[in-house]
Amino acid sequence: MMTIDEIVKIIRKELCISQETLARELNISFTTINRWENGKSSPSKLARMRLAEFCTTNGISKEIITELKRL
């Protein structure tokens, strides 16, 4: 089972985007993405749903989306 920091890093790596770009896409702050990736905070249920939706729209692997929903 993956942690949120691993999932966010994989999403960004697969899409070749920065934390800043991901934050902009999700309409949240860069600081929030940074905290998720550094294990300092976790996304709310709503944020996880938005992230899963973003992944689906952008062709992220189903395994990652499943892990994200499992959190």
Protein backbone atom coordinates (compact mmCIF):
# COMPACT_ATOMS: atom_id res chain seq x y z
CA MET A 1 0.00 0.00 0.00
CA MET A 2 1.31 3.42 -0.96
CA THR A 3 1.31 6.61 1.06
CA ILE A 4 -0.02 9.94 -0.21
CA ASP A 5 3.49 11.35 -0.61
CA GLU A 6 4.47 8.44 -2.87
CA ILE A 7 1.26 8.78 -4.89
CA VAL A 8 1.64 12.52 -5.46
CA LYS A 9 5.28 12.09 -6.53
CA ILE A 10 4.31 9.33 -8.99
CA ILE A 11 1.50 11.46 -10.46
CA ARG A 12 3.85 14.38 -10.99
CA LYS A 13 6.57 12.14 -12.45
CA GLU A 14 4.16 10.45 -14.88
CA LEU A 15 2.90 13.84 -16.09
CA CYS A 16 6.32 15.56 -15.93
CA ILE A 17 4.87 18.50 -13.98
CA SER A 18 6.07 20.57 -11.03
CA GLN A 19 4.42 20.84 -7.63
CA GLU A 20 3.40 24.35 -8.66
CA THR A 21 1.70 23.11 -11.83
CA LEU A 22 -0.15 20.35 -10.00
CA ALA A 23 -1.28 22.84 -7.38
CA ARG A 24 -2.58 25.16 -10.09
CA GLU A 25 -4.42 22.28 -11.81
CA LEU A 26 -6.12 21.30 -8.53
CA ASN A 27 -6.75 24.93 -7.57
CA ILE A 28 -4.83 24.59 -4.30
CA SER A 29 -1.64 26.16 -3.01
CA PHE A 30 1.88 25.02 -3.83
CA THR A 31 2.47 24.78 -0.07
CA THR A 32 -0.32 22.20 0.24
CA ILE A 33 1.17 19.97 -2.48
CA ASN A 34 4.60 20.36 -0.88
CA ARG A 35 3.24 19.30 2.52
CA TRP A 36 1.55 16.24 1.00
CA GLU A 37 4.77 15.19 -0.73
CA ASN A 38 6.82 15.69 2.42
CA GLY A 39 4.36 13.77 4.61
CA LYS A 40 3.54 16.83 6.71
CA SER A 41 -0.17 16.73 5.93
CA SER A 42 -2.74 14.64 4.10
CA PRO A 43 -5.40 15.70 1.64
CA SER A 44 -8.99 15.94 2.79
CA LYS A 45 -11.55 13.55 1.35
CA LEU A 46 -12.62 16.26 -1.12
CA ALA A 47 -9.03 16.91 -2.16
CA ARG A 48 -8.41 13.17 -2.69
CA MET A 49 -11.54 13.00 -4.85
CA ARG A 50 -10.37 15.98 -6.93
CA LEU A 51 -6.91 14.44 -7.27
CA ALA A 52 -8.44 11.11 -8.39
CA GLU A 53 -10.59 12.96 -10.93
CA PHE A 54 -7.51 14.83 -12.19
CA CYS A 55 -5.65 11.50 -12.53
CA THR A 56 -8.51 9.93 -14.48
CA THR A 57 -8.70 12.92 -16.84
CA ASN A 58 -4.94 12.91 -17.41
CA GLY A 59 -4.47 9.18 -18.00
CA ILE A 60 -2.71 8.22 -14.78
CA SER A 61 -2.60 4.45 -14.26
CA LYS A 62 -5.60 2.79 -12.64
CA GLU A 63 -3.32 1.31 -9.95
CA ILE A 64 -2.44 4.79 -8.72
CA ILE A 65 -6.07 5.92 -8.76
CA THR A 66 -7.08 2.79 -6.82
CA GLU A 67 -4.37 3.45 -4.22
CA LEU A 68 -5.49 7.06 -3.93
CA LYS A 69 -9.10 6.04 -3.33
CA ARG A 70 -7.98 3.46 -0.76
CA LEU A 71 -6.42 6.12 1.49
